[in-house]
C-alpha atoms as a PDB file:
ATOM      1  CA  MET A   1       0.000   0.000   0.000  1.00  0.00           C
ATOM      2  CA  PRO A   2       1.818   3.140  -1.152  1.00  0.00           C
ATOM      3  CA  GLU A   3      -0.460   5.360   0.959  1.00  0.00           C
ATOM      4  CA  PRO A   4      -2.777   4.712   3.908  1.00  0.00           C
ATOM      5  CA  ILE A   5      -6.539   4.512   3.382  1.00  0.00           C
ATOM      6  CA  ASP A   6      -7.641   6.285   6.539  1.00  0.00           C
ATOM      7  CA  LEU A   7     -11.376   5.790   5.989  1.00  0.00           C
ATOM      8  CA  LEU A   8     -10.874   2.000   6.054  1.00  0.00           C
ATOM      9  CA  GLU A   9      -8.068   2.124   8.660  1.00  0.00           C
ATOM     10  CA  ILE A  10      -5.611   0.497   6.245  1.00  0.00           C
ATOM     11  CA  PRO A  11      -2.039   1.610   6.929  1.00  0.00           C
ATOM     12  CA  ALA A  12       0.582   2.273   4.277  1.00  0.00           C
ATOM     13  CA  GLY A  13       3.309  -0.313   3.845  1.00  0.00           C
ATOM     14  CA  LYS A  14       4.079  -3.746   2.499  1.00  0.00           C
ATOM     15  CA  ILE A  15       1.603  -6.482   3.434  1.00  0.00           C
ATOM     16  CA  ASN A  16       1.043 -10.069   2.372  1.00  0.00           C
ATOM     17  CA  LEU A  17      -2.065 -10.365   0.151  1.00  0.00           C
ATOM     18  CA  GLN A  18      -3.688 -12.982   2.413  1.00  0.00           C
ATOM     19  CA  ARG A  19      -3.057 -10.798   5.504  1.00  0.00           C
ATOM     20  CA  PHE A  20      -4.471  -7.764   3.654  1.00  0.00           C
ATOM     21  CA  PHE A  21      -7.747  -9.568   2.975  1.00  0.00           C
ATOM     22  CA  TYR A  22      -7.841 -11.170   6.420  1.00  0.00           C
ATOM     23  CA  TRP A  23      -7.234  -7.967   8.398  1.00  0.00           C
ATOM     24  CA  HIS A  24      -8.986  -5.418   6.190  1.00  0.00           C
ATOM     25  CA  VAL A  25     -11.548  -7.063   3.897  1.00  0.00           C
ATOM     26  CA  PHE A  26     -12.945 -10.345   5.222  1.00  0.00           C
ATOM     27  CA  LYS A  27     -11.716 -12.520   8.052  1.00  0.00           C
ATOM     28  CA  ALA A  28     -11.716 -16.024   6.618  1.00  0.00           C
ATOM     29  CA  TYR A  29      -9.161 -18.297   8.260  1.00  0.00           C
ATOM     30  CA  SER A  30      -7.577 -20.919   6.038  1.00  0.00           C
ATOM     31  CA  ARG A  31      -4.930 -23.576   6.558  1.00  0.00           C
ATOM     32  CA  PRO A  32      -4.213 -26.289   3.984  1.00  0.00           C
ATOM     33  CA  GLU A  33      -3.770 -28.996   6.635  1.00  0.00           C
ATOM     34  CA  MET A  34      -7.220 -28.361   8.182  1.00  0.00           C
ATOM     35  CA  SER A  35     -10.517 -29.782   6.990  1.00  0.00           C
ATOM     36  CA  ILE A  36     -13.267 -27.456   5.803  1.00  0.00           C
ATOM     37  CA  GLU A  37     -15.230 -28.368   8.944  1.00  0.00           C
ATOM     38  CA  GLU A  38     -12.325 -27.313  11.196  1.00  0.00           C
ATOM     39  CA  MET A  39     -11.930 -24.035   9.319  1.00  0.00           C
ATOM     40  CA  ASN A  40     -15.694 -23.427   9.527  1.00  0.00           C
ATOM     41  CA  HIS A  41     -15.463 -23.739  13.323  1.00  0.00           C
ATOM     42  CA  VAL A  42     -12.612 -21.230  13.488  1.00  0.00           C
ATOM     43  CA  ASN A  43     -14.375 -18.773  11.174  1.00  0.00           C
ATOM     44  CA  PHE A  44     -17.719 -19.155  12.970  1.00  0.00           C
ATOM     45  CA  ASP A  45     -16.023 -18.467  16.301  1.00  0.00           C
ATOM     46  CA  TRP A  46     -14.621 -15.176  14.983  1.00  0.00           C
ATOM     47  CA  TYR A  47     -18.040 -13.806  14.009  1.00  0.00           C
ATOM     48  CA  ALA A  48     -20.411 -15.400  16.505  1.00  0.00           C
ATOM     49  CA  PRO A  49     -19.200 -14.999  20.130  1.00  0.00           C
ATOM     50  CA  ARG A  50     -21.864 -13.709  22.504  1.00  0.00           C
ATOM     51  CA  ASN A  51     -19.300 -12.490  25.013  1.00  0.00           C
ATOM     52  CA  ALA A  52     -16.056 -11.219  23.579  1.00  0.00           C
ATOM     53  CA  HIS A  53     -13.540  -9.201  25.555  1.00  0.00           C
ATOM     54  CA  ARG A  54     -10.271  -7.567  24.556  1.00  0.00           C
ATOM     55  CA  GLN A  55      -7.351  -6.936  26.850  1.00  0.00           C
ATOM     56  CA  SER A  56      -4.370  -4.676  26.335  1.00  0.00           C
ATOM     57  CA  LEU A  57      -0.813  -5.963  26.262  1.00  0.00           C
ATOM     58  CA  ASP A  58      -0.152  -4.015  29.475  1.00  0.00           C
ATOM     59  CA  GLU A  59      -3.036  -5.831  31.219  1.00  0.00           C
ATOM     60  CA  VAL A  60      -1.714  -9.241  30.180  1.00  0.00           C
ATOM     61  CA  ARG A  61       1.804  -8.308  31.293  1.00  0.00           C
ATOM     62  CA  ALA A  62       0.399  -7.209  34.667  1.00  0.00           C
ATOM     63  CA  TRP A  63      -1.431 -10.538  35.111  1.00  0.00           C
ATOM     64  CA  CYS A  64       1.804 -12.420  34.433  1.00  0.00           C
ATOM     65  CA  ALA A  65       3.719 -10.268  36.905  1.00  0.00           C
ATOM     66  CA  ALA A  66       1.000 -10.690  39.541  1.00  0.00           C
ATOM     67  CA  VAL A  67       1.406 -14.490  39.512  1.00  0.00           C
ATOM     68  CA  GLY A  68       5.187 -14.484  39.196  1.00  0.00           C
ATOM     69  CA  LEU A  69       5.532 -15.392  35.527  1.00  0.00           C
ATOM     70  CA  VAL A  70       8.524 -14.177  33.519  1.00  0.00           C
ATOM     71  CA  ILE A  71       7.578 -13.362  29.928  1.00  0.00           C
ATOM     72  CA  GLU A  72       9.931 -14.914  27.409  1.00  0.00           C
ATOM     73  CA  ARG A  73       8.083 -13.956  24.208  1.00  0.00           C
ATOM     74  CA  GLU A  74       5.063 -11.886  23.362  1.00  0.00           C
ATOM     75  CA  ARG A  75       3.187 -11.092  20.199  1.00  0.00           C
ATOM     76  CA  ALA A  76       0.289  -8.685  19.851  1.00  0.00           C
ATOM     77  CA  GLU A  77      -1.846  -8.726  16.697  1.00  0.00           C
ATOM     78  CA  GLU A  78      -5.349  -7.608  15.846  1.00  0.00           C
ATOM     79  CA  ALA A  79      -6.538 -11.167  16.477  1.00  0.00           C
ATOM     80  CA  GLY A  80      -5.173 -11.242  19.997  1.00  0.00           C
ATOM     81  CA  ILE A  81      -2.178 -11.493  22.277  1.00  0.00           C
ATOM     82  CA  THR A  82       0.127 -14.483  22.609  1.00  0.00           C
ATOM     83  CA  ILE A  83       2.425 -14.790  25.615  1.00  0.00           C
ATOM     84  CA  VAL A  84       5.028 -17.470  26.343  1.00  0.00           C
ATOM     85  CA  ALA A  85       6.070 -17.285  29.982  1.00  0.00           C
ATOM     86  CA  ARG A  86       7.726 -19.396  32.663  1.00  0.00           C
ATOM     87  CA  LYS A  87       7.576 -19.544  36.422  1.00  0.00           C
ATOM     88  CA  GLY A  88       9.883 -16.997  37.980  1.00  0.00           C
ATOM     89  CA  ASP A  89      12.686 -17.959  40.315  1.00  0.00           C
ATOM     90  CA  ALA A  90      11.492 -18.409  43.884  1.00  0.00           C
ATOM     91  CA  SER A  91      13.671 -15.989  45.842  1.00  0.00           C
END
């Protein structure tokens, strides 16, 4: 994308075509190793939750700290937050 499209909240910059459609046009999860039924479950879950909540990366970090977890890796995307953590040293 040479320029952002502010009205559609599409930023400027290089983006994979599949990611472009997934994030900005139509969320339709696809993996070649999954059956159509498995992908239907994933896609249904994206559009149909009755109770969906979003947390910030700072909130998730605070939860980890509160229970003594040391974060080794983190990744924040539009779809959610992934944290890999381990038990902290008992001092």
